[in-house]
């Protein structure tokens, strides 16, 4: 049972990244999925969530209009498209299912 994130990196302000999270070992389509981030020295911050059938998605005010969450239940993958990135988006991004976290992928937004 695991979640494996990828797609992080270094990007300039205003740039874009797409994070991916591959799930295995459980019935992915049964789970609501979320992205959570943690900036250095800060508490984890919920970023976005999506329901089982992709009919509803949710965003923190800090990312609304810039980030888009999606999922592919056939491939057991959840994505986070991040546009118009800001330095304050820097942090480790974690994929999360109920009670299960991935190892995280680092995002650095810097000029």
PDB file of N, CA and C in Angstrom:
ATOM      1  N   UNK A   1       0.863  -1.180   0.000  1.00  0.00           N
ATOM      2  CA  UNK A   1       0.000   0.000   0.000  1.00  0.00           C
ATOM      3  C   UNK A   1       0.896   1.225   0.000  1.00  0.00           C
ATOM      4  N   UNK A   2       0.822   2.014  -1.063  1.00  0.00           N
ATOM      5  CA  UNK A   2       1.690   3.186  -1.090  1.00  0.00           C
ATOM      6  C   UNK A   2       1.202   4.231  -2.085  1.00  0.00           C
ATOM      7  N   UNK A   3       1.714   5.429  -1.859  1.00  0.00           N
ATOM      8  CA  UNK A   3       1.525   6.566  -2.754  1.00  0.00           C
ATOM      9  C   UNK A   3       2.901   7.091  -3.116  1.00  0.00           C
ATOM     10  N   UNK A   4       3.137   7.313  -4.396  1.00  0.00           N
ATOM     11  CA  UNK A   4       4.447   7.777  -4.848  1.00  0.00           C
ATOM     12  C   UNK A   4       4.252   9.032  -5.701  1.00  0.00           C
ATOM     13  N   UNK A   5       4.769  10.148  -5.177  1.00  0.00           N
ATOM     14  CA  UNK A   5       4.656  11.427  -5.876  1.00  0.00           C
ATOM     15  C   UNK A   5       5.867  11.664  -6.771  1.00  0.00           C
ATOM     16  N   UNK A   6       5.662  12.449  -7.796  1.00  0.00           N
ATOM     17  CA  UNK A   6       6.734  12.886  -8.684  1.00  0.00           C
ATOM     18  C   UNK A   6       6.332  14.189  -9.346  1.00  0.00           C
ATOM     19  N   UNK A   7       7.302  14.818 -10.011  1.00  0.00           N
ATOM     20  CA  UNK A   7       7.002  16.020 -10.781  1.00  0.00           C
ATOM     21  C   UNK A   7       7.470  17.314 -10.159  1.00  0.00           C
ATOM     22  N   UNK A   8       7.998  17.241  -8.950  1.00  0.00           N
ATOM     23  CA  UNK A   8       8.499  18.457  -8.335  1.00  0.00           C
ATOM     24  C   UNK A   8       9.766  18.945  -9.013  1.00  0.00           C
ATOM     25  N   UNK A   9      10.228  20.114  -8.593  1.00  0.00           N
ATOM     26  CA  UNK A   9      11.447  20.668  -9.159  1.00  0.00           C
ATOM     27  C   UNK A   9      11.585  22.127  -8.827  1.00  0.00           C
ATOM     28  N   UNK A  10      12.500  22.772  -9.543  1.00  0.00           N
ATOM     29  CA  UNK A  10      12.752  24.203  -9.365  1.00  0.00           C
ATOM     30  C   UNK A  10      12.137  24.950 -10.537  1.00  0.00           C
ATOM     31  N   UNK A  11      11.392  25.990 -10.232  1.00  0.00           N
ATOM     32  CA  UNK A  11      10.722  26.754 -11.269  1.00  0.00           C
ATOM     33  C   UNK A  11      10.736  28.225 -10.886  1.00  0.00           C
ATOM     34  N   UNK A  12      10.762  29.086 -11.883  1.00  0.00           N
ATOM     35  CA  UNK A  12      10.723  30.522 -11.613  1.00  0.00           C
ATOM     36  C   UNK A  12       9.306  30.968 -11.292  1.00  0.00           C
ATOM     37  N   UNK A  13       9.176  32.059 -10.563  1.00  0.00           N
ATOM     38  CA  UNK A  13       7.830  32.597 -10.323  1.00  0.00           C
ATOM     39  C   UNK A  13       7.083  32.804 -11.636  1.00  0.00           C
ATOM     40  N   UNK A  14       5.811  32.440 -11.622  1.00  0.00           N
ATOM     41  CA  UNK A  14       5.001  32.509 -12.835  1.00  0.00           C
ATOM     42  C   UNK A  14       5.007  31.241 -13.651  1.00  0.00           C
ATOM     43  N   UNK A  15       5.884  30.316 -13.296  1.00  0.00           N
ATOM     44  CA  UNK A  15       5.991  29.070 -14.032  1.00  0.00           C
ATOM     45  C   UNK A  15       4.956  28.044 -13.609  1.00  0.00           C
ATOM     46  N   UNK A  16       5.065  26.854 -14.210  1.00  0.00           N
ATOM     47  CA  UNK A  16       4.113  25.784 -13.963  1.00  0.00           C
ATOM     48  C   UNK A  16       4.823  24.464 -13.687  1.00  0.00           C
ATOM     49  N   UNK A  17       4.156  23.637 -12.940  1.00  0.00           N
ATOM     50  CA  UNK A  17       4.580  22.259 -12.717  1.00  0.00           C
ATOM     51  C   UNK A  17       3.341  21.393 -12.635  1.00  0.00           C
ATOM     52  N   UNK A  18       3.501  20.132 -12.998  1.00  0.00           N
ATOM     53  CA  UNK A  18       2.420  19.166 -12.785  1.00  0.00           C
ATOM     54  C   UNK A  18       2.935  18.038 -11.918  1.00  0.00           C
ATOM     55  N   UNK A  19       2.327  17.879 -10.766  1.00  0.00           N
ATOM     56  CA  UNK A  19       2.673  16.789  -9.860  1.00  0.00           C
ATOM     57  C   UNK A  19       1.798  15.581 -10.160  1.00  0.00           C
ATOM     58  N   UNK A  20       2.378  14.408  -9.989  1.00  0.00           N
ATOM     59  CA  UNK A  20       1.642  13.153 -10.155  1.00  0.00           C
ATOM     60  C   UNK A  20       1.800  12.316  -8.901  1.00  0.00           C
ATOM     61  N   UNK A  21       0.810  11.507  -8.639  1.00  0.00           N
ATOM     62  CA  UNK A  21       0.862  10.591  -7.490  1.00  0.00           C
ATOM     63  C   UNK A  21       0.258   9.266  -7.936  1.00  0.00           C
ATOM     64  N   UNK A  22       1.088   8.242  -7.933  1.00  0.00           N
ATOM     65  CA  UNK A  22       0.640   6.907  -8.335  1.00  0.00           C
ATOM     66  C   UNK A  22       0.306   6.105  -7.090  1.00  0.00           C
ATOM     67  N   UNK A  23      -0.877   5.532  -7.071  1.00  0.00           N
ATOM     68  CA  UNK A  23      -1.341   4.744  -5.925  1.00  0.00           C
ATOM     69  C   UNK A  23      -1.270   3.256  -6.230  1.00  0.00           C
ATOM     70  N   UNK A  24      -0.996   2.480  -5.205  1.00  0.00           N
ATOM     71  CA  UNK A  24      -0.986   1.033  -5.369  1.00  0.00           C
ATOM     72  C   UNK A  24      -1.349   0.369  -4.048  1.00  0.00           C
ATOM     73  N   UNK A  25      -1.878  -0.840  -4.149  1.00  0.00           N
ATOM     74  CA  UNK A  25      -2.154  -1.629  -2.961  1.00  0.00           C
ATOM     75  C   UNK A  25      -3.512  -1.420  -2.325  1.00  0.00           C
ATOM     76  N   UNK A  26      -4.329  -0.547  -2.910  1.00  0.00           N
ATOM     77  CA  UNK A  26      -5.682  -0.350  -2.402  1.00  0.00           C
ATOM     78  C   UNK A  26      -6.580   0.039  -3.575  1.00  0.00           C
ATOM     79  N   UNK A  27      -7.874   0.061  -3.324  1.00  0.00           N
ATOM     80  CA  UNK A  27      -8.817   0.383  -4.389  1.00  0.00           C
ATOM     81  C   UNK A  27      -8.880   1.900  -4.527  1.00  0.00           C
ATOM     82  N   UNK A  28      -8.110   2.403  -5.459  1.00  0.00           N
ATOM     83  CA  UNK A  28      -7.936   3.849  -5.621  1.00  0.00           C
ATOM     84  C   UNK A  28      -9.273   4.559  -5.830  1.00  0.00           C
ATOM     85  N   UNK A  29     -10.132   3.968  -6.627  1.00  0.00           N
ATOM     86  CA  UNK A  29     -11.396   4.623  -6.971  1.00  0.00           C
ATOM     87  C   UNK A  29     -12.347   4.728  -5.782  1.00  0.00           C
ATOM     88  N   UNK A  30     -12.043   4.055  -4.683  1.00  0.00           N
ATOM     89  CA  UNK A  30     -12.870   4.134  -3.477  1.00  0.00           C
ATOM     90  C   UNK A  30     -12.471   5.292  -2.571  1.00  0.00           C
ATOM     91  N   UNK A  31     -11.352   5.940  -2.887  1.00  0.00           N
ATOM     92  CA  UNK A  31     -10.793   6.923  -1.959  1.00  0.00           C
ATOM     93  C   UNK A  31     -10.869   8.353  -2.489  1.00  0.00           C
ATOM     94  N   UNK A  32     -11.287   9.256  -1.625  1.00  0.00           N
ATOM     95  CA  UNK A  32     -11.064  10.665  -1.906  1.00  0.00           C
ATOM     96  C   UNK A  32      -9.566  10.932  -1.779  1.00  0.00           C
ATOM     97  N   UNK A  33      -9.062  11.825  -2.596  1.00  0.00           N
ATOM     98  CA  UNK A  33      -7.627  12.105  -2.609  1.00  0.00           C
ATOM     99  C   UNK A  33      -7.382  13.586  -2.346  1.00  0.00           C
ATOM    100  N   UNK A  34      -6.237  13.852  -1.734  1.00  0.00           N
ATOM    101  CA  UNK A  34      -5.883  15.228  -1.412  1.00  0.00           C
ATOM    102  C   UNK A  34      -4.410  15.477  -1.690  1.00  0.00           C
ATOM    103  N   UNK A  35      -4.087  16.748  -1.824  1.00  0.00           N
ATOM    104  CA  UNK A  35      -2.697  17.203  -1.811  1.00  0.00           C
ATOM    105  C   UNK A  35      -2.518  18.106  -0.601  1.00  0.00           C
ATOM    106  N   UNK A  36      -1.411  17.900   0.079  1.00  0.00           N
ATOM    107  CA  UNK A  36      -1.043  18.687   1.253  1.00  0.00           C
ATOM    108  C   UNK A  36       0.401  19.132   1.058  1.00  0.00           C
ATOM    109  N   UNK A  37       0.719  20.332   1.460  1.00  0.00           N
ATOM    110  CA  UNK A  37       2.102  20.802   1.339  1.00  0.00           C
ATOM    111  C   UNK A  37       2.621  21.265   2.679  1.00  0.00           C
ATOM    112  N   UNK A  38       3.941  21.271   2.777  1.00  0.00           N
ATOM    113  CA  UNK A  38       4.581  21.741   3.995  1.00  0.00           C
ATOM    114  C   UNK A  38       5.779  22.591   3.638  1.00  0.00           C
ATOM    115  N   UNK A  39       5.716  23.854   3.996  1.00  0.00           N
ATOM    116  CA  UNK A  39       6.837  24.762   3.798  1.00  0.00           C
ATOM    117  C   UNK A  39       7.839  24.575   4.928  1.00  0.00           C
ATOM    118  N   UNK A  40       9.103  24.938   4.708  1.00  0.00           N
ATOM    119  CA  UNK A  40      10.121  24.773   5.754  1.00  0.00           C
ATOM    120  C   UNK A  40       9.711  25.480   7.045  1.00  0.00           C
ATOM    121  N   UNK A  41       9.749  24.742   8.142  1.00  0.00           N
ATOM    122  CA  UNK A  41       9.448  25.319   9.443  1.00  0.00           C
ATOM    123  C   UNK A  41       7.981  25.589   9.712  1.00  0.00           C
ATOM    124  N   UNK A  42       7.124  25.140   8.799  1.00  0.00           N
ATOM    125  CA  UNK A  42       5.704  25.427   8.932  1.00  0.00           C
ATOM    126  C   UNK A  42       4.923  24.127   9.115  1.00  0.00           C
ATOM    127  N   UNK A  43       3.689  24.263   9.600  1.00  0.00           N
ATOM    128  CA  UNK A  43       2.803  23.109   9.700  1.00  0.00           C
ATOM    129  C   UNK A  43       2.293  22.725   8.313  1.00  0.00           C
ATOM    130  N   UNK A  44       1.922  21.477   8.132  1.00  0.00           N
ATOM    131  CA  UNK A  44       1.323  21.069   6.854  1.00  0.00           C
ATOM    132  C   UNK A  44       0.077  21.879   6.544  1.00  0.00           C
ATOM    133  N   UNK A  45      -0.109  22.153   5.247  1.00  0.00           N
ATOM    134  CA  UNK A  45      -1.248  22.938   4.791  1.00  0.00           C
ATOM    135  C   UNK A  45      -2.010  22.141   3.737  1.00  0.00           C
ATOM    136  N   UNK A  46      -3.275  21.914   3.952  1.00  0.00           N
ATOM    137  CA  UNK A  46      -4.093  21.266   2.934  1.00  0.00           C
ATOM    138  C   UNK A  46      -4.197  22.188   1.716  1.00  0.00           C
ATOM    139  N   UNK A  47      -4.034  21.619   0.535  1.00  0.00           N
ATOM    140  CA  UNK A  47      -4.011  22.399  -0.700  1.00  0.00           C
ATOM    141  C   UNK A  47      -5.256  22.148  -1.553  1.00  0.00           C
ATOM    142  N   UNK A  48      -5.577  20.869  -1.746  1.00  0.00           N
ATOM    143  CA  UNK A  48      -6.658  20.558  -2.673  1.00  0.00           C
ATOM    144  C   UNK A  48      -7.167  19.144  -2.426  1.00  0.00           C
ATOM    145  N   UNK A  49      -8.413  18.891  -2.796  1.00  0.00           N
ATOM    146  CA  UNK A  49      -8.992  17.564  -2.677  1.00  0.00           C
ATOM    147  C   UNK A  49      -9.939  17.280  -3.831  1.00  0.00           C
ATOM    148  N   UNK A  50     -10.165  15.995  -4.073  1.00  0.00           N
ATOM    149  CA  UNK A  50     -11.055  15.579  -5.148  1.00  0.00           C
ATOM    150  C   UNK A  50     -11.830  14.345  -4.700  1.00  0.00           C
ATOM    151  N   UNK A  51     -13.091  14.270  -5.074  1.00  0.00           N
ATOM    152  CA  UNK A  51     -13.871  13.125  -4.640  1.00  0.00           C
ATOM    153  C   UNK A  51     -13.615  11.928  -5.566  1.00  0.00           C
ATOM    154  N   UNK A  52     -14.297  10.819  -5.252  1.00  0.00           N
ATOM    155  CA  UNK A  52     -13.975   9.547  -5.904  1.00  0.00           C
ATOM    156  C   UNK A  52     -14.188   9.571  -7.402  1.00  0.00           C
ATOM    157  N   UNK A  53     -15.218  10.244  -7.851  1.00  0.00           N
ATOM    158  CA  UNK A  53     -15.578  10.210  -9.270  1.00  0.00           C
ATOM    159  C   UNK A  53     -15.237  11.494 -10.006  1.00  0.00           C
ATOM    160  N   UNK A  54     -14.452  12.362  -9.369  1.00  0.00           N
ATOM    161  CA  UNK A  54     -14.023  13.627  -9.981  1.00  0.00           C
ATOM    162  C   UNK A  54     -15.178  14.587 -10.241  1.00  0.00           C
ATOM    163  N   UNK A  55     -16.274  14.416  -9.552  1.00  0.00           N
ATOM    164  CA  UNK A  55     -17.397  15.333  -9.748  1.00  0.00           C
ATOM    165  C   UNK A  55     -17.271  16.585  -8.890  1.00  0.00           C
ATOM    166  N   UNK A  56     -16.415  16.530  -7.870  1.00  0.00           N
ATOM    167  CA  UNK A  56     -16.206  17.697  -7.020  1.00  0.00           C
ATOM    168  C   UNK A  56     -14.721  17.832  -6.686  1.00  0.00           C
ATOM    169  N   UNK A  57     -14.244  19.061  -6.702  1.00  0.00           N
ATOM    170  CA  UNK A  57     -12.870  19.342  -6.302  1.00  0.00           C
ATOM    171  C   UNK A  57     -12.865  20.571  -5.407  1.00  0.00           C
ATOM    172  N   UNK A  58     -11.846  20.665  -4.601  1.00  0.00           N
ATOM    173  CA  UNK A  58     -11.798  21.686  -3.557  1.00  0.00           C
ATOM    174  C   UNK A  58     -10.389  22.258  -3.490  1.00  0.00           C
ATOM    175  N   UNK A  59     -10.304  23.535  -3.123  1.00  0.00           N
ATOM    176  CA  UNK A  59      -9.012  24.208  -3.113  1.00  0.00           C
ATOM    177  C   UNK A  59      -8.900  25.142  -1.926  1.00  0.00           C
ATOM    178  N   UNK A  60      -7.689  25.248  -1.410  1.00  0.00           N
ATOM    179  CA  UNK A  60      -7.395  26.286  -0.431  1.00  0.00           C
ATOM    180  C   UNK A  60      -7.463  27.642  -1.127  1.00  0.00           C
ATOM    181  N   UNK A  61      -7.849  28.654  -0.385  1.00  0.00           N
ATOM    182  CA  UNK A  61      -7.952  29.994  -0.978  1.00  0.00           C
ATOM    183  C   UNK A  61      -6.622  30.441  -1.585  1.00  0.00           C
ATOM    184  N   UNK A  62      -5.529  29.991  -0.991  1.00  0.00           N
ATOM    185  CA  UNK A  62      -4.213  30.436  -1.446  1.00  0.00           C
ATOM    186  C   UNK A  62      -3.852  29.922  -2.841  1.00  0.00           C
ATOM    187  N   UNK A  63      -4.535  28.888  -3.313  1.00  0.00           N
ATOM    188  CA  UNK A  63      -4.198  28.313  -4.622  1.00  0.00           C
ATOM    189  C   UNK A  63      -5.361  28.351  -5.599  1.00  0.00           C
ATOM    190  N   UNK A  64      -6.512  28.778  -5.148  1.00  0.00           N
ATOM    191  CA  UNK A  64      -7.706  28.775  -5.982  1.00  0.00           C
ATOM    192  C   UNK A  64      -7.478  29.626  -7.244  1.00  0.00           C
ATOM    193  N   UNK A  65      -7.844  29.065  -8.384  1.00  0.00           N
ATOM    194  CA  UNK A  65      -7.653  29.752  -9.651  1.00  0.00           C
ATOM    195  C   UNK A  65      -6.301  29.513 -10.287  1.00  0.00           C
ATOM    196  N   UNK A  66      -5.368  28.919  -9.543  1.00  0.00           N
ATOM    197  CA  UNK A  66      -4.021  28.655 -10.074  1.00  0.00           C
ATOM    198  C   UNK A  66      -3.726  27.166 -10.165  1.00  0.00           C
ATOM    199  N   UNK A  67      -4.263  26.388  -9.242  1.00  0.00           N
ATOM    200  CA  UNK A  67      -4.009  24.949  -9.191  1.00  0.00           C
ATOM    201  C   UNK A  67      -5.265  24.197  -9.628  1.00  0.00           C
ATOM    202  N   UNK A  68      -5.044  23.043 -10.255  1.00  0.00           N
ATOM    203  CA  UNK A  68      -6.140  22.167 -10.656  1.00  0.00           C
ATOM    204  C   UNK A  68      -5.814  20.732 -10.293  1.00  0.00           C
ATOM    205  N   UNK A  69      -6.706  20.107  -9.539  1.00  0.00           N
ATOM    206  CA  UNK A  69      -6.544  18.692  -9.178  1.00  0.00           C
ATOM    207  C   UNK A  69      -7.372  17.846 -10.135  1.00  0.00           C
ATOM    208  N   UNK A  70      -6.850  16.690 -10.471  1.00  0.00           N
ATOM    209  CA  UNK A  70      -7.596  15.752 -11.318  1.00  0.00           C
ATOM    210  C   UNK A  70      -7.130  14.339 -10.980  1.00  0.00           C
ATOM    211  N   UNK A  71      -7.864  13.371 -11.467  1.00  0.00           N
ATOM    212  CA  UNK A  71      -7.502  11.977 -11.206  1.00  0.00           C
ATOM    213  C   UNK A  71      -7.881  11.112 -12.390  1.00  0.00           C
ATOM    214  N   UNK A  72      -7.171  10.005 -12.518  1.00  0.00           N
ATOM    215  CA  UNK A  72      -7.466   8.996 -13.531  1.00  0.00           C
ATOM    216  C   UNK A  72      -7.614   7.670 -12.803  1.00  0.00           C
ATOM    217  N   UNK A  73      -8.828   7.262 -12.565  1.00  0.00           N
ATOM    218  CA  UNK A  73      -9.062   6.045 -11.790  1.00  0.00           C
ATOM    219  C   UNK A  73      -8.612   4.792 -12.537  1.00  0.00           C
ATOM    220  N   UNK A  74      -8.551   4.851 -13.854  1.00  0.00           N
ATOM    221  CA  UNK A  74      -8.077   3.696 -14.628  1.00  0.00           C
ATOM    222  C   UNK A  74      -6.581   3.484 -14.439  1.00  0.00           C
ATOM    223  N   UNK A  75      -5.857   4.578 -14.174  1.00  0.00           N
ATOM    224  CA  UNK A  75      -4.403   4.492 -14.006  1.00  0.00           C
ATOM    225  C   UNK A  75      -3.968   4.632 -12.556  1.00  0.00           C
ATOM    226  N   UNK A  76      -4.912   4.831 -11.649  1.00  0.00           N
ATOM    227  CA  UNK A  76      -4.588   5.001 -10.221  1.00  0.00           C
ATOM    228  C   UNK A  76      -3.650   6.186  -9.990  1.00  0.00           C
ATOM    229  N   UNK A  77      -3.940   7.290 -10.644  1.00  0.00           N
ATOM    230  CA  UNK A  77      -3.091   8.472 -10.536  1.00  0.00           C
ATOM    231  C   UNK A  77      -3.947   9.692 -10.189  1.00  0.00           C
ATOM    232  N   UNK A  78      -3.406  10.530  -9.324  1.00  0.00           N
ATOM    233  CA  UNK A  78      -3.986  11.842  -9.061  1.00  0.00           C
ATOM    234  C   UNK A  78      -2.927  12.884  -9.412  1.00  0.00           C
ATOM    235  N   UNK A  79      -3.393  13.964 -10.012  1.00  0.00           N
ATOM    236  CA  UNK A  79      -2.497  15.017 -10.492  1.00  0.00           C
ATOM    237  C   UNK A  79      -2.776  16.333  -9.763  1.00  0.00           C
ATOM    238  N   UNK A  80      -1.773  17.190  -9.775  1.00  0.00           N
ATOM    239  CA  UNK A  80      -1.958  18.568  -9.339  1.00  0.00           C
ATOM    240  C   UNK A  80      -1.238  19.461 -10.348  1.00  0.00           C
ATOM    241  N   UNK A  81      -2.009  20.139 -11.178  1.00  0.00           N
ATOM    242  CA  UNK A  81      -1.458  21.099 -12.120  1.00  0.00           C
ATOM    243  C   UNK A  81      -1.326  22.435 -11.413  1.00  0.00           C
ATOM    244  N   UNK A  82      -0.116  22.953 -11.378  1.00  0.00           N
ATOM    245  CA  UNK A  82       0.157  24.194 -10.659  1.00  0.00           C
ATOM    246  C   UNK A  82       0.645  25.244 -11.645  1.00  0.00           C
ATOM    247  N   UNK A  83      -0.120  26.288 -11.792  1.00  0.00           N
ATOM    248  CA  UNK A  83       0.214  27.387 -12.693  1.00  0.00           C
ATOM    249  C   UNK A  83       0.443  28.671 -11.902  1.00  0.00           C
ATOM    250  N   UNK A  84       1.060  29.636 -12.545  1.00  0.00           N
ATOM    251  CA  UNK A  84       1.310  30.941 -11.914  1.00  0.00           C
ATOM    252  C   UNK A  84       1.931  30.775 -10.542  1.00  0.00           C
ATOM    253  N   UNK A  85       2.950  29.963 -10.472  1.00  0.00           N
ATOM    254  CA  UNK A  85       3.564  29.644  -9.182  1.00  0.00           C
ATOM    255  C   UNK A  85       4.207  30.864  -8.553  1.00  0.00           C
ATOM    256  N   UNK A  86       4.142  30.889  -7.225  1.00  0.00           N
ATOM    257  CA  UNK A  86       4.684  31.980  -6.427  1.00  0.00           C
ATOM    258  C   UNK A  86       5.737  31.424  -5.472  1.00  0.00           C
ATOM    259  N   UNK A  87       6.648  32.265  -5.006  1.00  0.00           N
ATOM    260  CA  UNK A  87       7.645  31.778  -4.022  1.00  0.00           C
ATOM    261  C   UNK A  87       6.994  31.136  -2.793  1.00  0.00           C
ATOM    262  N   UNK A  88       5.855  31.611  -2.397  1.00  0.00           N
ATOM    263  CA  UNK A  88       5.188  31.051  -1.221  1.00  0.00           C
ATOM    264  C   UNK A  88       4.567  29.673  -1.482  1.00  0.00           C
ATOM    265  N   UNK A  89       4.623  29.204  -2.713  1.00  0.00           N
ATOM    266  CA  UNK A  89       4.191  27.834  -3.013  1.00  0.00           C
ATOM    267  C   UNK A  89       5.312  26.818  -2.749  1.00  0.00           C
ATOM    268  N   UNK A  90       6.483  27.295  -2.410  1.00  0.00           N
ATOM    269  CA  UNK A  90       7.609  26.409  -2.131  1.00  0.00           C
ATOM    270  C   UNK A  90       7.312  25.494  -0.954  1.00  0.00           C
ATOM    271  N   UNK A  91       7.687  24.230  -1.098  1.00  0.00           N
ATOM    272  CA  UNK A  91       7.502  23.281  -0.017  1.00  0.00           C
ATOM    273  C   UNK A  91       7.533  21.851  -0.536  1.00  0.00           C
ATOM    274  N   UNK A  92       7.321  20.934   0.371  1.00  0.00           N
ATOM    275  CA  UNK A  92       7.187  19.529   0.004  1.00  0.00           C
ATOM    276  C   UNK A  92       5.704  19.240  -0.174  1.00  0.00           C
ATOM    277  N   UNK A  93       5.376  18.664  -1.305  1.00  0.00           N
ATOM    278  CA  UNK A  93       3.978  18.367  -1.631  1.00  0.00           C
ATOM    279  C   UNK A  93       3.734  16.876  -1.443  1.00  0.00           C
ATOM    280  N   UNK A  94       2.705  16.573  -0.667  1.00  0.00           N
ATOM    281  CA  UNK A  94       2.347  15.197  -0.358  1.00  0.00           C
ATOM    282  C   UNK A  94       0.984  14.861  -0.937  1.00  0.00           C
ATOM    283  N   UNK A  95       0.909  13.666  -1.466  1.00  0.00           N
ATOM    284  CA  UNK A  95      -0.350  13.076  -1.871  1.00  0.00           C
ATOM    285  C   UNK A  95      -0.909  12.331  -0.661  1.00  0.00           C
ATOM    286  N   UNK A  96      -2.215  12.397  -0.493  1.00  0.00           N
ATOM    287  CA  UNK A  96      -2.799  11.800   0.708  1.00  0.00           C
ATOM    288  C   UNK A  96      -4.122  11.119   0.390  1.00  0.00           C
ATOM    289  N   UNK A  97      -4.241   9.879   0.861  1.00  0.00           N
ATOM    290  CA  UNK A  97      -5.526   9.192   0.900  1.00  0.00           C
ATOM    291  C   UNK A  97      -5.896   9.054   2.373  1.00  0.00           C
ATOM    292  N   UNK A  98      -6.994   8.449   2.679  1.00  0.00           N
ATOM    293  CA  UNK A  98      -7.417   8.325   4.071  1.00  0.00           C
ATOM    294  C   UNK A  98      -6.387   7.541   4.866  1.00  0.00           C
ATOM    295  N   UNK A  99      -5.650   8.230   5.739  1.00  0.00           N
ATOM    296  CA  UNK A  99      -4.677   7.569   6.592  1.00  0.00           C
ATOM    297  C   UNK A  99      -3.377   7.191   5.920  1.00  0.00           C
ATOM    298  N   UNK A 100      -3.176   7.574   4.674  1.00  0.00           N
ATOM    299  CA  UNK A 100      -1.981   7.181   3.942  1.00  0.00           C
ATOM    300  C   UNK A 100      -1.371   8.411   3.262  1.00  0.00           C
ATOM    301  N   UNK A 101      -0.058   8.573   3.460  1.00  0.00           N
ATOM    302  CA  UNK A 101       0.680   9.677   2.858  1.00  0.00           C
ATOM    303  C   UNK A 101       1.769   9.119   1.955  1.00  0.00           C
ATOM    304  N   UNK A 102       2.096   9.887   0.914  1.00  0.00           N
ATOM    305  CA  UNK A 102       3.264   9.562   0.122  1.00  0.00           C
ATOM    306  C   UNK A 102       4.514  10.116   0.773  1.00  0.00           C
ATOM    307  N   UNK A 103       5.636   9.962   0.073  1.00  0.00           N
ATOM    308  CA  UNK A 103       6.918  10.430   0.621  1.00  0.00           C
ATOM    309  C   UNK A 103       7.169  11.895   0.320  1.00  0.00           C
ATOM    310  N   UNK A 104       6.398  12.451  -0.583  1.00  0.00           N
ATOM    311  CA  UNK A 104       6.510  13.871  -0.903  1.00  0.00           C
ATOM    312  C   UNK A 104       7.417  14.152  -2.083  1.00  0.00           C
ATOM    313  N   UNK A 105       7.174  15.294  -2.726  1.00  0.00           N
ATOM    314  CA  UNK A 105       8.025  15.777  -3.804  1.00  0.00           C
ATOM    315  C   UNK A 105       8.269  17.266  -3.572  1.00  0.00           C
ATOM    316  N   UNK A 106       9.524  17.682  -3.736  1.00  0.00           N
ATOM    317  CA  UNK A 106       9.915  19.049  -3.398  1.00  0.00           C
ATOM    318  C   UNK A 106       9.608  19.994  -4.550  1.00  0.00           C
ATOM    319  N   UNK A 107       9.010  21.120  -4.210  1.00  0.00           N
ATOM    320  CA  UNK A 107       8.758  22.197  -5.166  1.00  0.00           C
ATOM    321  C   UNK A 107       9.460  23.448  -4.664  1.00  0.00           C
ATOM    322  N   UNK A 108      10.306  24.007  -5.503  1.00  0.00           N
ATOM    323  CA  UNK A 108      10.994  25.252  -5.178  1.00  0.00           C
ATOM    324  C   UNK A 108      10.657  26.303  -6.230  1.00  0.00           C
ATOM    325  N   UNK A 109      10.081  27.396  -5.789  1.00  0.00           N
ATOM    326  CA  UNK A 109       9.742  28.491  -6.696  1.00  0.00           C
ATOM    327  C   UNK A 109      10.657  29.660  -6.355  1.00  0.00           C
ATOM    328  N   UNK A 110      11.574  29.920  -7.258  1.00  0.00           N
ATOM    329  CA  UNK A 110      12.593  30.922  -6.960  1.00  0.00           C
ATOM    330  C   UNK A 110      13.147  31.503  -8.237  1.00  0.00           C
ATOM    331  N   UNK A 111      13.489  32.779  -8.177  1.00  0.00           N
ATOM    332  CA  UNK A 111      14.125  33.417  -9.327  1.00  0.00           C
ATOM    333  C   UNK A 111      15.644  33.350  -9.199  1.00  0.00           C
TER     334      UNK A 111
END
